[in-house]
Amino acid sequence: MNGAHDMGGMHGFGPVSVEPDEPWFHGEWEKKVFGLTLACGGLGQWTIDQGRYARENQPPGRYLQSTYYELWLHGLETLLVEKGLVTADELDTGKASGPSNLSALPADRVFKALQQGSPYTRAIDTPARFAVGDRVRVINAHPKGHTRMPRYVRGHVGTVVMHHGAHVFADASAAGDHSIAHHLYNVAFTAEELWGPDGQGGAVHLDLWDPYLEPA
């Protein structure tokens, strides 16, 4: 989607401030939001792509004024209400309006669960269309839902430098369909290709699914 989150290459937002020796968290509340998001993800009610979409699909004003973990919190609240796990009133008051059927992951299983994660690689019968060294162009498409195809790269030409095999297709996963997989490639784009003669040199590498690409 062409939302406020897709800011690559845009001007007017000021310099990126790098914080030396930046800590993992800037406050205890950030730790709690991080922990809550992981714990609620363990309920199995949504995929990681649905989680990303919930964070990015916020009103532009709210998105641009929110810090990183504020966006995580907004996204988590959105999913909890959408899935019927809590009500908006319960979030506002901080009090449950009735008994809950939710069961938490036992503390002794948390570390193992985080280590294992969820594999997103899949075996598919469709052969890869592209190989390392192929020149490809990103299609000029503007999907209304979640996509991992940044706006600034659409229509540009790059070179395949790696084939990751087939992975769950993020666009479909964000819409609730975890069964669709496509070949995933790492594609390198020169700075001049993306930004023109004012590019600072070097290359940008992006992992892009097969449906995003066409032969150049």
Protein backbone atom coordinates (compact mmCIF):
# COMPACT_ATOMS: atom_id res chain seq x y z
CA MET A 1 0.00 0.00 0.00
CA ASN A 2 1.12 3.56 -0.63
CA GLY A 3 0.90 4.64 3.00
CA ALA A 4 2.80 7.10 5.17
CA HIS A 5 5.18 4.30 6.18
CA ASP A 6 6.63 3.95 2.65
CA MET A 7 9.04 6.89 2.92
CA GLY A 8 12.08 5.62 1.00
CA GLY A 9 13.60 8.38 -1.12
CA MET A 10 11.17 11.07 0.05
CA HIS A 11 12.43 14.55 0.91
CA GLY A 12 11.39 17.06 3.55
CA PHE A 13 11.59 14.95 6.71
CA GLY A 14 14.96 16.23 7.88
CA PRO A 15 18.16 14.28 8.54
CA VAL A 16 18.22 10.84 10.14
CA SER A 17 19.64 11.30 13.63
CA VAL A 18 21.97 8.47 14.66
CA GLU A 19 22.16 7.92 18.42
CA PRO A 20 25.61 6.68 19.50
CA ASP A 21 25.46 3.49 21.59
CA GLU A 22 21.67 3.45 21.25
CA PRO A 23 20.05 1.14 23.83
CA TRP A 24 17.63 -1.62 22.83
CA PHE A 25 14.82 0.18 24.65
CA HIS A 26 14.35 3.80 25.73
CA GLY A 27 11.97 3.06 28.57
CA GLU A 28 10.34 0.26 30.53
CA TRP A 29 7.10 0.75 28.64
CA GLU A 30 8.87 -0.16 25.38
CA LYS A 31 9.99 -3.46 26.90
CA LYS A 32 6.39 -4.17 27.90
CA VAL A 33 5.05 -3.38 24.42
CA PHE A 34 7.68 -5.65 22.87
CA GLY A 35 6.84 -8.47 25.29
CA LEU A 36 3.09 -8.05 24.85
CA THR A 37 3.39 -8.13 21.06
CA LEU A 38 5.42 -11.35 21.12
CA ALA A 39 3.14 -12.97 23.69
CA CYS A 40 -0.03 -12.09 21.77
CA GLY A 41 1.55 -13.29 18.54
CA GLY A 42 1.90 -16.67 20.26
CA LEU A 43 -1.89 -16.89 20.38
CA GLY A 44 -1.80 -17.82 16.70
CA GLN A 45 -4.54 -15.39 15.69
CA TRP A 46 -2.47 -13.54 13.06
CA THR A 47 0.71 -13.83 11.02
CA ILE A 48 3.79 -11.63 11.24
CA ASP A 49 2.70 -10.00 7.98
CA GLN A 50 -0.71 -9.15 9.43
CA GLY A 51 1.16 -7.63 12.36
CA ARG A 52 3.24 -5.46 10.04
CA TYR A 53 0.16 -4.39 8.10
CA ALA A 54 -1.64 -3.41 11.31
CA ARG A 55 1.29 -1.18 12.27
CA GLU A 56 1.66 0.52 8.90
CA ASN A 57 -2.07 0.89 8.21
CA GLN A 58 -2.56 3.69 10.73
CA PRO A 59 -3.88 7.18 9.91
CA PRO A 60 -0.97 9.16 8.40
CA GLY A 61 -1.04 11.79 11.14
CA ARG A 62 -0.81 9.19 13.86
CA TYR A 63 1.84 7.20 12.01
CA LEU A 64 4.17 10.16 11.46
CA GLN A 65 3.82 11.40 15.05
CA SER A 66 4.38 7.99 16.66
CA THR A 67 7.63 6.49 17.87
CA TYR A 68 8.67 2.99 16.83
CA TYR A 69 7.11 1.17 19.78
CA GLU A 70 4.06 3.43 19.79
CA LEU A 71 3.40 2.04 16.31
CA TRP A 72 3.83 -1.49 17.67
CA LEU A 73 1.28 -0.70 20.37
CA HIS A 74 -1.22 0.85 17.92
CA GLY A 75 -0.90 -2.21 15.68
CA LEU A 76 -1.34 -4.66 18.55
CA GLU A 77 -4.43 -2.86 19.82
CA THR A 78 -5.89 -2.91 16.30
CA LEU A 79 -5.39 -6.67 15.97
CA LEU A 80 -6.73 -7.48 19.43
CA VAL A 81 -9.96 -5.64 18.70
CA GLU A 82 -10.28 -6.96 15.13
CA LYS A 83 -9.91 -10.57 16.32
CA GLY A 84 -12.43 -10.08 19.11
CA LEU A 85 -9.89 -10.81 21.83
CA VAL A 86 -10.62 -7.54 23.65
CA THR A 87 -13.04 -4.68 23.12
CA ALA A 88 -12.23 -1.04 22.48
CA ASP A 89 -13.86 -0.22 25.81
CA GLU A 90 -11.59 -2.67 27.63
CA LEU A 91 -8.56 -1.01 26.07
CA ASP A 92 -9.81 2.44 27.09
CA THR A 93 -10.58 1.46 30.68
CA GLY A 94 -7.83 -1.12 31.22
CA LYS A 95 -10.40 -3.45 32.79
CA ALA A 96 -11.89 -6.69 31.48
CA SER A 97 -15.65 -6.59 30.97
CA GLY A 98 -16.01 -10.35 31.48
CA PRO A 99 -14.12 -13.66 31.69
CA SER A 100 -11.49 -14.42 29.06
CA ASN A 101 -10.83 -17.65 27.20
CA LEU A 102 -7.25 -16.69 26.40
CA SER A 103 -4.45 -18.85 27.78
CA ALA A 104 -0.91 -17.52 28.16
CA LEU A 105 2.21 -19.41 27.13
CA PRO A 106 3.85 -20.91 30.26
CA ALA A 107 6.94 -18.97 31.30
CA ASP A 108 9.25 -21.98 30.96
CA ARG A 109 8.31 -22.34 27.26
CA VAL A 110 8.79 -18.71 26.22
CA PHE A 111 12.53 -18.84 25.51
CA LYS A 112 12.23 -22.02 23.44
CA ALA A 113 9.32 -20.59 21.48
CA LEU A 114 11.30 -17.45 20.63
CA GLN A 115 14.30 -19.51 19.52
CA GLN A 116 12.27 -21.73 17.22
CA GLY A 117 10.24 -19.07 15.44
CA SER A 118 8.11 -20.01 12.44
CA PRO A 119 9.83 -21.13 9.22
CA TYR A 120 8.58 -19.27 6.16
CA THR A 121 10.35 -21.35 3.52
CA ARG A 122 8.13 -23.61 1.42
CA ALA A 123 8.56 -26.31 -1.24
CA ILE A 124 6.69 -25.45 -4.46
CA ASP A 125 6.47 -27.13 -7.87
CA THR A 126 6.86 -23.94 -9.90
CA PRO A 127 10.43 -23.46 -11.17
CA ALA A 128 12.23 -20.19 -10.54
CA ARG A 129 11.84 -17.71 -13.41
CA PHE A 130 15.09 -15.90 -12.69
CA ALA A 131 18.68 -16.86 -11.89
CA VAL A 132 21.63 -15.04 -10.37
CA GLY A 133 22.87 -12.47 -12.86
CA ASP A 134 19.51 -11.88 -14.55
CA ARG A 135 18.36 -8.31 -15.08
CA VAL A 136 14.84 -7.72 -13.79
CA ARG A 137 12.42 -4.82 -13.59
CA VAL A 138 10.05 -4.24 -10.67
CA ILE A 139 6.49 -3.95 -11.95
CA ASN A 140 4.66 -0.65 -11.66
CA ALA A 141 1.81 -1.71 -9.37
CA HIS A 142 0.14 0.00 -6.42
CA PRO A 143 -1.64 -2.65 -4.30
CA LYS A 144 -4.13 -1.43 -1.72
CA GLY A 145 -3.07 -4.03 0.85
CA HIS A 146 0.27 -4.89 2.42
CA THR A 147 3.26 -5.33 0.13
CA ARG A 148 7.03 -5.67 0.54
CA MET A 149 7.57 -3.88 -2.79
CA PRO A 150 8.73 -0.35 -1.88
CA ARG A 151 7.29 2.49 -3.92
CA TYR A 152 10.71 3.97 -4.75
CA VAL A 153 11.87 0.82 -6.57
CA ARG A 154 8.82 0.24 -8.80
CA GLY A 155 9.65 0.51 -12.50
CA HIS A 156 13.41 0.29 -11.87
CA VAL A 157 15.87 -2.31 -13.12
CA GLY A 158 18.19 -4.36 -10.95
CA THR A 159 20.27 -7.55 -10.98
CA VAL A 160 19.42 -10.79 -9.20
CA VAL A 161 22.30 -11.60 -6.82
CA MET A 162 20.71 -14.39 -4.76
CA HIS A 163 17.84 -16.86 -4.92
CA HIS A 164 16.39 -17.65 -1.49
CA GLY A 165 14.06 -20.41 -2.68
CA ALA A 166 10.31 -20.18 -2.14
CA HIS A 167 8.88 -18.28 0.82
CA VAL A 168 5.39 -17.48 2.07
CA PHE A 169 4.12 -14.53 0.03
CA ALA A 170 3.85 -11.57 2.41
CA ASP A 171 1.09 -9.81 0.47
CA ALA A 172 -1.23 -12.82 0.76
CA SER A 173 -0.16 -13.62 4.32
CA ALA A 174 -1.07 -10.10 5.44
CA ALA A 175 -4.57 -10.71 4.06
CA GLY A 176 -4.86 -13.92 6.10
CA ASP A 177 -3.81 -16.50 3.47
CA HIS A 178 -0.66 -18.25 4.71
CA SER A 179 -0.75 -20.96 2.02
CA ILE A 180 0.63 -19.02 -0.97
CA ALA A 181 4.38 -19.12 -1.64
CA HIS A 182 6.55 -17.72 -4.43
CA HIS A 183 10.24 -17.66 -5.25
CA LEU A 184 12.13 -14.93 -3.41
CA TYR A 185 15.18 -13.15 -4.82
CA ASN A 186 17.69 -10.63 -3.57
CA VAL A 187 17.99 -7.91 -6.19
CA ALA A 188 20.66 -5.19 -6.32
CA PHE A 189 19.84 -1.71 -7.65
CA THR A 190 22.52 0.89 -8.26
CA ALA A 191 22.04 4.21 -6.51
CA GLU A 192 22.11 5.96 -9.89
CA GLU A 193 19.29 3.72 -11.18
CA LEU A 194 17.11 4.62 -8.20
CA TRP A 195 18.04 8.23 -7.50
CA GLY A 196 19.57 9.48 -10.76
CA PRO A 197 22.88 11.36 -11.07
CA ASP A 198 22.56 12.67 -7.50
CA GLY A 199 22.79 9.15 -6.10
CA GLN A 200 25.60 8.69 -3.57
CA GLY A 201 27.05 5.57 -5.16
CA GLY A 202 26.83 1.96 -4.06
CA ALA A 203 23.77 -0.24 -4.32
CA VAL A 204 20.50 -1.02 -2.55
CA HIS A 205 19.68 -4.71 -2.04
CA LEU A 206 16.05 -5.78 -1.69
CA ASP A 207 14.40 -9.17 -1.18
CA LEU A 208 11.60 -9.28 -3.75
CA TRP A 209 9.07 -12.00 -4.59
CA ASP A 210 8.58 -13.34 -8.11
CA PRO A 211 5.18 -11.59 -8.71
CA TYR A 212 6.90 -8.24 -8.20
CA LEU A 213 9.32 -8.81 -11.09
CA GLU A 214 9.47 -9.04 -14.87
CA PRO A 215 12.39 -9.61 -17.24
CA ALA A 216 14.25 -6.40 -18.05
